[in-house]
C-alpha atoms as a PDB file:
ATOM      1  CA  MET A   1    -104.612 -10.552  35.250  1.00  0.00           C
ATOM      2  CA  LEU A   2    -105.880 -10.279  31.927  1.00  0.00           C
ATOM      3  CA  ILE A   3    -107.178  -7.041  30.240  1.00  0.00           C
ATOM      4  CA  LEU A   4    -108.779  -6.932  26.778  1.00  0.00           C
ATOM      5  CA  CYS A   5    -109.166  -3.505  25.017  1.00  0.00           C
ATOM      6  CA  ILE A   6    -111.655  -4.392  22.218  1.00  0.00           C
ATOM      7  CA  GLY A   7    -112.484  -2.459  18.932  1.00  0.00           C
ATOM      8  CA  PRO A   8    -113.356  -1.944  16.175  1.00  0.00           C
ATOM      9  CA  ASP A   9    -112.356   1.490  17.109  1.00  0.00           C
ATOM     10  CA  THR A  10    -108.641   0.474  17.420  1.00  0.00           C
ATOM     11  CA  PHE A  11    -107.091   4.116  17.975  1.00  0.00           C
ATOM     12  CA  ARG A  12    -109.041   4.587  21.319  1.00  0.00           C
ATOM     13  CA  ALA A  13    -108.237   0.824  22.218  1.00  0.00           C
ATOM     14  CA  LEU A  14    -104.724   1.396  21.559  1.00  0.00           C
ATOM     15  CA  GLU A  15    -105.055   4.600  23.726  1.00  0.00           C
ATOM     16  CA  LYS A  16    -106.406   2.352  26.513  1.00  0.00           C
ATOM     17  CA  ALA A  17    -103.619   0.220  26.411  1.00  0.00           C
ATOM     18  CA  ARG A  18    -100.948   3.059  26.492  1.00  0.00           C
ATOM     19  CA  GLU A  19    -102.888   4.693  29.390  1.00  0.00           C
ATOM     20  CA  LEU A  20    -102.442   1.244  31.327  1.00  0.00           C
ATOM     21  CA  GLU A  21     -98.643   0.866  30.549  1.00  0.00           C
ATOM     22  CA  GLN A  22     -98.203   4.448  31.612  1.00  0.00           C
ATOM     23  CA  ALA A  23    -100.179   3.844  35.025  1.00  0.00           C
ATOM     24  CA  PHE A  24     -98.086   0.483  35.834  1.00  0.00           C
ATOM     25  CA  CYS A  25     -94.958   2.384  34.967  1.00  0.00           C
ATOM     26  CA  ALA A  26     -95.926   5.130  37.565  1.00  0.00           C
ATOM     27  CA  LYS A  27     -96.742   2.660  40.140  1.00  0.00           C
ATOM     28  CA  PHE A  28     -94.357  -0.191  39.739  1.00  0.00           C
ATOM     29  CA  ASP A  29     -91.891   0.475  37.264  1.00  0.00           C
ATOM     30  CA  THR A  30     -90.580   3.884  36.318  1.00  0.00           C
ATOM     31  CA  ALA A  31     -87.465   2.428  34.414  1.00  0.00           C
ATOM     32  CA  GLY A  32     -89.925   0.407  32.226  1.00  0.00           C
ATOM     33  CA  THR A  33     -87.699  -2.798  32.546  1.00  0.00           C
ATOM     34  CA  SER A  34     -90.620  -5.310  33.386  1.00  0.00           C
ATOM     35  CA  VAL A  35     -92.806  -3.747  30.368  1.00  0.00           C
ATOM     36  CA  GLU A  36     -92.772  -5.923  27.270  1.00  0.00           C
ATOM     37  CA  ARG A  37     -94.622  -5.873  23.946  1.00  0.00           C
ATOM     38  CA  LEU A  38     -94.566  -9.250  22.544  1.00  0.00           C
ATOM     39  CA  GLY A  39     -97.065  -8.621  19.322  1.00  0.00           C
ATOM     40  CA  SER A  40     -99.368 -11.631  18.121  1.00  0.00           C
ATOM     41  CA  GLY A  41     -99.432 -15.127  16.883  1.00  0.00           C
ATOM     42  CA  SER A  42     -99.457 -18.482  18.395  1.00  0.00           C
ATOM     43  CA  THR A  43     -95.734 -18.423  19.146  1.00  0.00           C
ATOM     44  CA  VAL A  44     -96.472 -15.438  21.498  1.00  0.00           C
ATOM     45  CA  VAL A  45     -98.785 -17.471  23.595  1.00  0.00           C
ATOM     46  CA  ASP A  46     -95.578 -19.464  24.729  1.00  0.00           C
ATOM     47  CA  GLN A  47     -93.723 -16.502  25.354  1.00  0.00           C
ATOM     48  CA  ILE A  48     -96.559 -14.967  27.808  1.00  0.00           C
ATOM     49  CA  ILE A  49     -96.708 -18.355  29.681  1.00  0.00           C
ATOM     50  CA  GLU A  50     -92.962 -18.303  30.280  1.00  0.00           C
ATOM     51  CA  ARG A  51     -93.262 -14.486  31.317  1.00  0.00           C
ATOM     52  CA  VAL A  52     -96.147 -15.054  33.570  1.00  0.00           C
ATOM     53  CA  ASN A  53     -94.324 -18.155  35.568  1.00  0.00           C
ATOM     54  CA  THR A  54     -91.255 -16.114  35.816  1.00  0.00           C
ATOM     55  CA  LEU A  55     -90.829 -13.430  38.576  1.00  0.00           C
ATOM     56  CA  SER A  56     -89.117 -10.272  37.517  1.00  0.00           C
ATOM     57  CA  LEU A  57     -85.875  -9.309  38.972  1.00  0.00           C
ATOM     58  CA  PHE A  58     -86.697  -5.857  39.330  1.00  0.00           C
ATOM     59  CA  THR A  59     -90.211  -5.124  39.848  1.00  0.00           C
ATOM     60  CA  PRO A  60     -93.231  -6.967  41.933  1.00  0.00           C
ATOM     61  CA  ARG A  61     -95.155  -7.299  38.773  1.00  0.00           C
ATOM     62  CA  ARG A  62     -94.815  -7.552  34.962  1.00  0.00           C
ATOM     63  CA  PHE A  63     -96.672  -5.601  32.293  1.00  0.00           C
ATOM     64  CA  ILE A  64     -97.216  -7.381  28.887  1.00  0.00           C
ATOM     65  CA  ARG A  65     -98.772  -6.230  25.999  1.00  0.00           C
ATOM     66  CA  VAL A  66     -99.785  -8.173  22.999  1.00  0.00           C
ATOM     67  CA  ALA A  67    -102.271  -7.879  20.001  1.00  0.00           C
ATOM     68  CA  ASP A  68    -105.385 -10.272  19.352  1.00  0.00           C
ATOM     69  CA  LEU A  69    -104.551 -12.696  22.016  1.00  0.00           C
ATOM     70  CA  VAL A  70    -108.107 -14.140  22.045  1.00  0.00           C
ATOM     71  CA  LYS A  71    -108.350 -14.317  18.574  1.00  0.00           C
ATOM     72  CA  THR A  72    -104.869 -15.839  17.778  1.00  0.00           C
ATOM     73  CA  CYS A  73    -104.394 -18.185  20.570  1.00  0.00           C
ATOM     74  CA  PRO A  74    -104.636 -21.830  19.444  1.00  0.00           C
ATOM     75  CA  LYS A  75    -107.414 -23.670  21.097  1.00  0.00           C
ATOM     76  CA  ALA A  76    -104.928 -26.437  22.193  1.00  0.00           C
ATOM     77  CA  LYS A  77    -102.774 -23.816  23.952  1.00  0.00           C
ATOM     78  CA  GLN A  78    -105.852 -22.108  25.808  1.00  0.00           C
ATOM     79  CA  PRO A  79    -105.773 -24.061  29.119  1.00  0.00           C
ATOM     80  CA  ALA A  80    -102.133 -23.791  29.569  1.00  0.00           C
ATOM     81  CA  LEU A  81    -102.511 -19.959  29.284  1.00  0.00           C
ATOM     82  CA  VAL A  82    -105.392 -19.963  31.480  1.00  0.00           C
ATOM     83  CA  ARG A  83    -103.412 -22.225  34.233  1.00  0.00           C
ATOM     84  CA  ALA A  84    -100.543 -19.607  33.799  1.00  0.00           C
ATOM     85  CA  LEU A  85    -102.789 -16.937  34.535  1.00  0.00           C
ATOM     86  CA  LEU A  86    -104.532 -18.585  37.343  1.00  0.00           C
ATOM     87  CA  GLN A  87    -101.364 -19.466  39.447  1.00  0.00           C
ATOM     88  CA  ASP A  88    -100.613 -15.870  40.539  1.00  0.00           C
ATOM     89  CA  PRO A  89    -102.927 -13.196  39.212  1.00  0.00           C
ATOM     90  CA  GLU A  90    -101.046 -10.308  40.731  1.00  0.00           C
ATOM     91  CA  ASN A  91     -97.775 -11.191  39.171  1.00  0.00           C
ATOM     92  CA  ALA A  92     -98.307 -10.201  35.681  1.00  0.00           C
ATOM     93  CA  ILE A  93    -100.577  -7.989  33.882  1.00  0.00           C
ATOM     94  CA  VAL A  94    -101.455  -9.128  30.250  1.00  0.00           C
ATOM     95  CA  VAL A  95    -103.091  -6.344  28.144  1.00  0.00           C
ATOM     96  CA  SER A  96    -104.225  -7.479  24.494  1.00  0.00           C
ATOM     97  CA  VAL A  97    -105.577  -5.058  21.985  1.00  0.00           C
ATOM     98  CA  GLU A  98    -108.260  -6.725  20.012  1.00  0.00           C
ATOM     99  CA  ALA A  99    -109.127  -5.271  16.872  1.00  0.00           C
ATOM    100  CA  GLU A 100    -112.494  -7.032  16.539  1.00  0.00           C
ATOM    101  CA  VAL A 101    -115.000  -8.228  19.163  1.00  0.00           C
ATOM    102  CA  PRO A 102    -114.028 -11.805  19.934  1.00  0.00           C
ATOM    103  CA  ASN A 103    -116.913 -14.297  19.475  1.00  0.00           C
ATOM    104  CA  GLU A 104    -118.452 -15.741  22.787  1.00  0.00           C
ATOM    105  CA  VAL A 105    -116.644 -19.292  22.430  1.00  0.00           C
ATOM    106  CA  ALA A 106    -113.261 -17.666  22.450  1.00  0.00           C
ATOM    107  CA  MET A 107    -114.055 -15.340  25.514  1.00  0.00           C
ATOM    108  CA  LYS A 108    -115.513 -18.257  27.389  1.00  0.00           C
ATOM    109  CA  ALA A 109    -112.300 -20.197  27.217  1.00  0.00           C
ATOM    110  CA  PHE A 110    -110.685 -17.279  29.435  1.00  0.00           C
ATOM    111  CA  ALA A 111    -113.701 -16.859  31.775  1.00  0.00           C
ATOM    112  CA  GLU A 112    -111.969 -18.519  34.602  1.00  0.00           C
ATOM    113  CA  VAL A 113    -109.129 -16.073  34.723  1.00  0.00           C
ATOM    114  CA  PRO A 114    -109.382 -13.860  37.763  1.00  0.00           C
ATOM    115  CA  LYS A 115    -109.321 -10.299  37.380  1.00  0.00           C
ATOM    116  CA  PHE A 116    -110.480 -10.530  33.604  1.00  0.00           C
ATOM    117  CA  VAL A 117    -111.405  -7.076  32.574  1.00  0.00           C
ATOM    118  CA  ARG A 118    -112.509  -5.843  29.063  1.00  0.00           C
ATOM    119  CA  TYR A 119    -112.892  -2.608  27.706  1.00  0.00           C
ATOM    120  CA  ASP A 120    -115.021  -2.153  24.627  1.00  0.00           C
ATOM    121  CA  PHE A 121    -114.704   0.798  22.151  1.00  0.00           C
ATOM    122  CA  PRO A 122    -117.002   0.960  19.393  1.00  0.00           C
ATOM    123  CA  ILE A 123    -117.234   3.273  16.540  1.00  0.00           C
ATOM    124  CA  GLN A 124    -118.285   6.566  17.908  1.00  0.00           C
ATOM    125  CA  VAL A 125    -120.932   8.671  15.830  1.00  0.00           C
ATOM    126  CA  GLY A 126    -122.640  12.040  16.187  1.00  0.00           C
ATOM    127  CA  SER A 127    -122.265  14.263  19.023  1.00  0.00           C
ATOM    128  CA  GLY A 128    -120.131  11.426  21.155  1.00  0.00           C
ATOM    129  CA  PHE A 129    -117.541  11.580  18.602  1.00  0.00           C
ATOM    130  CA  SER A 130    -117.557  15.310  18.318  1.00  0.00           C
ATOM    131  CA  THR A 131    -117.173  15.491  22.044  1.00  0.00           C
ATOM    132  CA  TRP A 132    -114.178  13.028  21.958  1.00  0.00           C
ATOM    133  CA  VAL A 133    -112.475  15.119  19.028  1.00  0.00           C
ATOM    134  CA  VAL A 134    -112.757  18.259  21.112  1.00  0.00           C
ATOM    135  CA  THR A 135    -111.481  16.864  24.312  1.00  0.00           C
ATOM    136  CA  ILE A 136    -108.471  15.147  22.149  1.00  0.00           C
ATOM    137  CA  ALA A 137    -107.874  18.758  20.597  1.00  0.00           C
ATOM    138  CA  GLU A 138    -107.620  20.307  23.933  1.00  0.00           C
ATOM    139  CA  LYS A 139    -105.172  17.699  24.900  1.00  0.00           C
ATOM    140  CA  LEU A 140    -102.961  18.493  21.979  1.00  0.00           C
ATOM    141  CA  GLY A 141    -103.195  22.170  22.520  1.00  0.00           C
ATOM    142  CA  VAL A 142    -105.526  23.006  19.601  1.00  0.00           C
ATOM    143  CA  LYS A 143    -107.695  25.861  20.711  1.00  0.00           C
ATOM    144  CA  ASP A 144    -109.819  26.184  17.838  1.00  0.00           C
ATOM    145  CA  LYS A 145    -112.905  24.213  18.936  1.00  0.00           C
ATOM    146  CA  ASN A 146    -114.845  24.917  15.707  1.00  0.00           C
ATOM    147  CA  ALA A 147    -111.917  23.383  13.555  1.00  0.00           C
ATOM    148  CA  ALA A 148    -112.226  20.367  15.889  1.00  0.00           C
ATOM    149  CA  ARG A 149    -115.800  20.165  15.271  1.00  0.00           C
ATOM    150  CA  GLN A 150    -115.476  20.240  11.539  1.00  0.00           C
ATOM    151  CA  ILE A 151    -112.899  17.504  11.557  1.00  0.00           C
ATOM    152  CA  ALA A 152    -115.292  15.598  13.545  1.00  0.00           C
ATOM    153  CA  GLU A 153    -118.102  16.021  11.241  1.00  0.00           C
ATOM    154  CA  VAL A 154    -115.970  15.083   8.200  1.00  0.00           C
ATOM    155  CA  ALA A 155    -114.062  12.010   9.730  1.00  0.00           C
ATOM    156  CA  GLU A 156    -117.475  10.704  10.962  1.00  0.00           C
ATOM    157  CA  GLY A 157    -116.260   8.137  13.410  1.00  0.00           C
ATOM    158  CA  ASP A 158    -112.800   7.662  12.092  1.00  0.00           C
ATOM    159  CA  SER A 159    -110.578   8.475  15.309  1.00  0.00           C
ATOM    160  CA  TRP A 160    -107.428   7.777  13.523  1.00  0.00           C
ATOM    161  CA  LEU A 161    -108.194  10.252  10.666  1.00  0.00           C
ATOM    162  CA  ALA A 162    -109.396  12.698  13.231  1.00  0.00           C
ATOM    163  CA  TRP A 163    -106.297  12.137  15.403  1.00  0.00           C
ATOM    164  CA  ASN A 164    -103.981  12.674  12.507  1.00  0.00           C
ATOM    165  CA  GLU A 165    -105.659  16.086  11.277  1.00  0.00           C
ATOM    166  CA  LEU A 166    -105.582  17.117  14.809  1.00  0.00           C
ATOM    167  CA  LEU A 167    -101.892  16.697  14.982  1.00  0.00           C
ATOM    168  CA  LYS A 168    -101.252  18.952  11.806  1.00  0.00           C
ATOM    169  CA  LEU A 169    -103.322  21.800  13.619  1.00  0.00           C
ATOM    170  CA  ALA A 170    -101.323  21.144  16.762  1.00  0.00           C
ATOM    171  CA  ALA A 171     -98.013  21.554  14.994  1.00  0.00           C
ATOM    172  CA  GLY A 172     -99.243  24.775  13.334  1.00  0.00           C
ATOM    173  CA  GLY A 173    -100.206  23.452   9.977  1.00  0.00           C
ATOM    174  CA  THR A 174    -103.534  23.073   8.371  1.00  0.00           C
ATOM    175  CA  SER A 175    -106.061  20.246   8.127  1.00  0.00           C
ATOM    176  CA  GLU A 176    -107.559  19.313   4.614  1.00  0.00           C
ATOM    177  CA  LEU A 177    -110.458  18.666   6.538  1.00  0.00           C
ATOM    178  CA  VAL A 178    -111.087  22.298   7.689  1.00  0.00           C
ATOM    179  CA  PRO A 179    -111.959  24.976   4.969  1.00  0.00           C
ATOM    180  CA  SER A 180    -109.117  27.705   4.801  1.00  0.00           C
ATOM    181  CA  SER A 181    -109.817  31.376   5.993  1.00  0.00           C
ATOM    182  CA  ASN A 182    -111.357  32.062   2.447  1.00  0.00           C
ATOM    183  CA  ASN A 183    -113.671  29.364   3.394  1.00  0.00           C
ATOM    184  CA  TYR A 184    -112.740  26.806   0.905  1.00  0.00           C
ATOM    185  CA  SER A 185    -110.193  24.354   0.343  1.00  0.00           C
ATOM    186  CA  VAL A 186    -108.739  22.624  -2.775  1.00  0.00           C
ATOM    187  CA  TYR A 187    -111.148  19.911  -1.970  1.00  0.00           C
ATOM    188  CA  ASP A 188    -114.180  22.145  -1.620  1.00  0.00           C
ATOM    189  CA  MET A 189    -113.195  23.195  -5.140  1.00  0.00           C
ATOM    190  CA  ALA A 190    -112.932  19.818  -6.306  1.00  0.00           C
ATOM    191  CA  ASP A 191    -116.283  18.959  -4.899  1.00  0.00           C
ATOM    192  CA  ALA A 192    -117.747  21.972  -6.647  1.00  0.00           C
ATOM    193  CA  PHE A 193    -116.334  20.745  -9.880  1.00  0.00           C
ATOM    194  CA  LEU A 194    -117.795  17.504  -9.605  1.00  0.00           C
ATOM    195  CA  LYS A 195    -121.343  19.084  -8.778  1.00  0.00           C
ATOM    196  CA  ASP A 196    -121.060  21.735 -11.575  1.00  0.00           C
ATOM    197  CA  ASP A 197    -120.933  24.658  -8.987  1.00  0.00           C
ATOM    198  CA  ALA A 198    -119.790  27.510 -10.901  1.00  0.00           C
ATOM    199  CA  ARG A 199    -117.556  28.891  -8.125  1.00  0.00           C
ATOM    200  CA  TRP A 200    -114.894  26.038  -8.677  1.00  0.00           C
ATOM    201  CA  ARG A 201    -113.374  28.055 -11.391  1.00  0.00           C
ATOM    202  CA  GLY A 202    -112.881  31.069  -9.645  1.00  0.00           C
ATOM    203  CA  TRP A 203    -111.582  29.109  -6.658  1.00  0.00           C
ATOM    204  CA  PHE A 204    -109.230  27.240  -8.675  1.00  0.00           C
ATOM    205  CA  GLU A 205    -107.684  30.397 -10.150  1.00  0.00           C
ATOM    206  CA  LYS A 206    -106.750  31.678  -6.627  1.00  0.00           C
ATOM    207  CA  MET A 207    -104.948  28.417  -5.756  1.00  0.00           C
ATOM    208  CA  GLU A 208    -101.615  27.001  -6.606  1.00  0.00           C
ATOM    209  CA  THR A 209    -101.700  24.936  -9.912  1.00  0.00           C
ATOM    210  CA  VAL A 210    -100.110  21.742  -8.613  1.00  0.00           C
ATOM    211  CA  PRO A 211    -102.026  21.046  -5.273  1.00  0.00           C
ATOM    212  CA  ALA A 212    -105.297  22.023  -7.154  1.00  0.00           C
ATOM    213  CA  MET A 213    -104.920  19.815 -10.182  1.00  0.00           C
ATOM    214  CA  ASN A 214    -103.914  16.851  -7.633  1.00  0.00           C
ATOM    215  CA  ALA A 215    -107.182  17.439  -5.812  1.00  0.00           C
ATOM    216  CA  LEU A 216    -109.245  17.477  -9.007  1.00  0.00           C
ATOM    217  CA  LEU A 217    -107.565  14.262 -10.018  1.00  0.00           C
ATOM    218  CA  SER A 218    -107.768  12.484  -6.687  1.00  0.00           C
ATOM    219  CA  GLN A 219    -111.369  13.487  -5.905  1.00  0.00           C
ATOM    220  CA  THR A 220    -112.864  12.729  -9.665  1.00  0.00           C
ATOM    221  CA  ARG A 221    -111.257   9.401  -9.565  1.00  0.00           C
ATOM    222  CA  ALA A 222    -112.446   8.531  -5.947  1.00  0.00           C
ATOM    223  CA  TYR A 223    -116.158   9.433  -6.998  1.00  0.00           C
ATOM    224  CA  LEU A 224    -115.827   7.035 -10.038  1.00  0.00           C
ATOM    225  CA  ARG A 225    -114.592   4.181  -7.733  1.00  0.00           C
ATOM    226  CA  VAL A 226    -117.202   4.705  -5.360  1.00  0.00           C
ATOM    227  CA  ARG A 227    -119.625   4.585  -8.064  1.00  0.00           C
ATOM    228  CA  ASP A 228    -118.171   1.470  -9.464  1.00  0.00           C
ATOM    229  CA  GLY A 229    -117.852  -0.066  -5.930  1.00  0.00           C
ATOM    230  CA  LYS A 230    -114.243  -0.242  -6.384  1.00  0.00           C
ATOM    231  CA  ILE A 231    -113.642   1.038  -2.751  1.00  0.00           C
ATOM    232  CA  ASP A 232    -110.588  -0.933  -1.358  1.00  0.00           C
ATOM    233  CA  GLY A 233    -108.302   1.533  -0.052  1.00  0.00           C
ATOM    234  CA  LEU A 234    -110.314   4.605   0.079  1.00  0.00           C
ATOM    235  CA  PRO A 235    -110.689   6.224   3.498  1.00  0.00           C
ATOM    236  CA  PRO A 236    -114.183   5.346   5.134  1.00  0.00           C
ATOM    237  CA  PHE A 237    -114.884   9.398   5.045  1.00  0.00           C
ATOM    238  CA  VAL A 238    -114.212   9.671   1.299  1.00  0.00           C
ATOM    239  CA  VAL A 239    -116.479   6.670   0.628  1.00  0.00           C
ATOM    240  CA  ARG A 240    -119.334   8.216   2.650  1.00  0.00           C
ATOM    241  CA  LYS A 241    -118.864  11.890   1.195  1.00  0.00           C
ATOM    242  CA  MET A 242    -118.507  10.592  -2.463  1.00  0.00           C
ATOM    243  CA  SER A 243    -121.569   8.290  -2.343  1.00  0.00           C
ATOM    244  CA  ARG A 244    -123.632  11.560  -1.155  1.00  0.00           C
ATOM    245  CA  LEU A 245    -122.217  13.921  -3.731  1.00  0.00           C
ATOM    246  CA  PRO A 246    -124.991  15.394  -6.236  1.00  0.00           C
ATOM    247  CA  VAL A 247    -123.145  14.736  -9.634  1.00  0.00           C
ATOM    248  CA  LYS A 248    -125.169  15.983 -12.375  1.00  0.00           C
ATOM    249  CA  ASP A 249    -123.230  15.614 -15.884  1.00  0.00           C
ATOM    250  CA  SER A 250    -120.894  12.543 -16.851  1.00  0.00           C
ATOM    251  CA  PRO A 251    -118.035  12.077 -14.281  1.00  0.00           C
ATOM    252  CA  ASP A 252    -116.488  10.117 -16.976  1.00  0.00           C
ATOM    253  CA  ALA A 253    -116.091  13.148 -19.146  1.00  0.00           C
ATOM    254  CA  LYS A 254    -114.907  15.375 -16.109  1.00  0.00           C
ATOM    255  CA  LEU A 255    -112.314  12.704 -15.449  1.00  0.00           C
ATOM    256  CA  ALA A 256    -111.289  12.874 -19.185  1.00  0.00           C
ATOM    257  CA  SER A 257    -110.962  16.744 -19.218  1.00  0.00           C
ATOM    258  CA  VAL A 258    -109.113  16.572 -15.808  1.00  0.00           C
ATOM    259  CA  LEU A 259    -106.477  14.204 -17.092  1.00  0.00           C
ATOM    260  CA  LEU A 260    -106.004  16.306 -20.481  1.00  0.00           C
ATOM    261  CA  ALA A 261    -105.397  19.409 -18.436  1.00  0.00           C
ATOM    262  CA  PHE A 262    -103.250  17.306 -15.823  1.00  0.00           C
ATOM    263  CA  PHE A 263    -100.891  15.993 -18.361  1.00  0.00           C
ATOM    264  CA  THR A 264    -100.955  19.242 -20.588  1.00  0.00           C
ATOM    265  CA  GLN A 265     -99.486  21.102 -17.711  1.00  0.00           C
ATOM    266  CA  ARG A 266     -97.154  18.531 -16.465  1.00  0.00           C
ATOM    267  CA  ALA A 267     -95.717  18.184 -19.953  1.00  0.00           C
ATOM    268  CA  SER A 268     -95.292  22.027 -20.039  1.00  0.00           C
ATOM    269  CA  LEU A 269     -97.496  22.401 -23.138  1.00  0.00           C
ATOM    270  CA  CYS A 270     -99.456  25.175 -21.318  1.00  0.00           C
ATOM    271  CA  ASN A 271     -98.724  27.480 -18.447  1.00  0.00           C
ATOM    272  CA  GLU A 272    -100.298  27.713 -15.049  1.00  0.00           C
ATOM    273  CA  THR A 273    -102.866  30.520 -16.316  1.00  0.00           C
ATOM    274  CA  ASP A 274    -103.665  28.759 -19.454  1.00  0.00           C
ATOM    275  CA  VAL A 275    -104.531  25.485 -17.801  1.00  0.00           C
ATOM    276  CA  ASN A 276    -107.904  26.565 -16.532  1.00  0.00           C
ATOM    277  CA  ALA A 277    -109.215  26.868 -20.174  1.00  0.00           C
ATOM    278  CA  LEU A 278    -108.570  23.225 -20.851  1.00  0.00           C
ATOM    279  CA  PHE A 279    -111.583  22.321 -18.671  1.00  0.00           C
END
């Protein structure tokens, strides 16, 4: 049996693979003795063939989880792998998490495999993504649905980001994507600074200096990187937000003032009260 959990939403694809593994253990192998995770690559194909052709000593079936099997399986090894999966479809369950949708040629090579199942997980947006985030929040014990919706709105389809931020709330912490009880966060303050919103200075004065300065520096640099097309390594939600941010005055000059204040304060040439006057 071959089951594909296909991205590009790799978080939900992995969650489905974990769900299948848990179901297998509950039904066939509570001790997990016949569950293996083999990674990815051409050598993994030989290991799969070996496992499929070998009966487990402990359970009636095997569960094998791999990554990108369709993508990384060499063309020369495809027939052997298909033959192995054809011999006894009930003997082994092979689950592959595919980060990308395989092309039609690669998929066609596995068309003969009996009980060939695929689950597709496209990027979710809008109300569908918001509903998913709220559902995950409930499972994690996060009771604040409004906070979950705010995370969904900012994350905009990035399920990994939403999951990590929900974990913070579940642990009793705070999320940078959810405004504080004062209705603003260090990132709201930094955005206001970039947009020449006069409220930023009052917010800054009420915050701890170090995280506030870090937010000003990181957000201003992120804006300049997005403006210049140098977005490698930036989270997608940051790129989306910065590309829409209405910045009026020169962001280069803003970065210069932030750097001056940042290093002056770090060098102890001014105290936390005076640093505001450097902007």
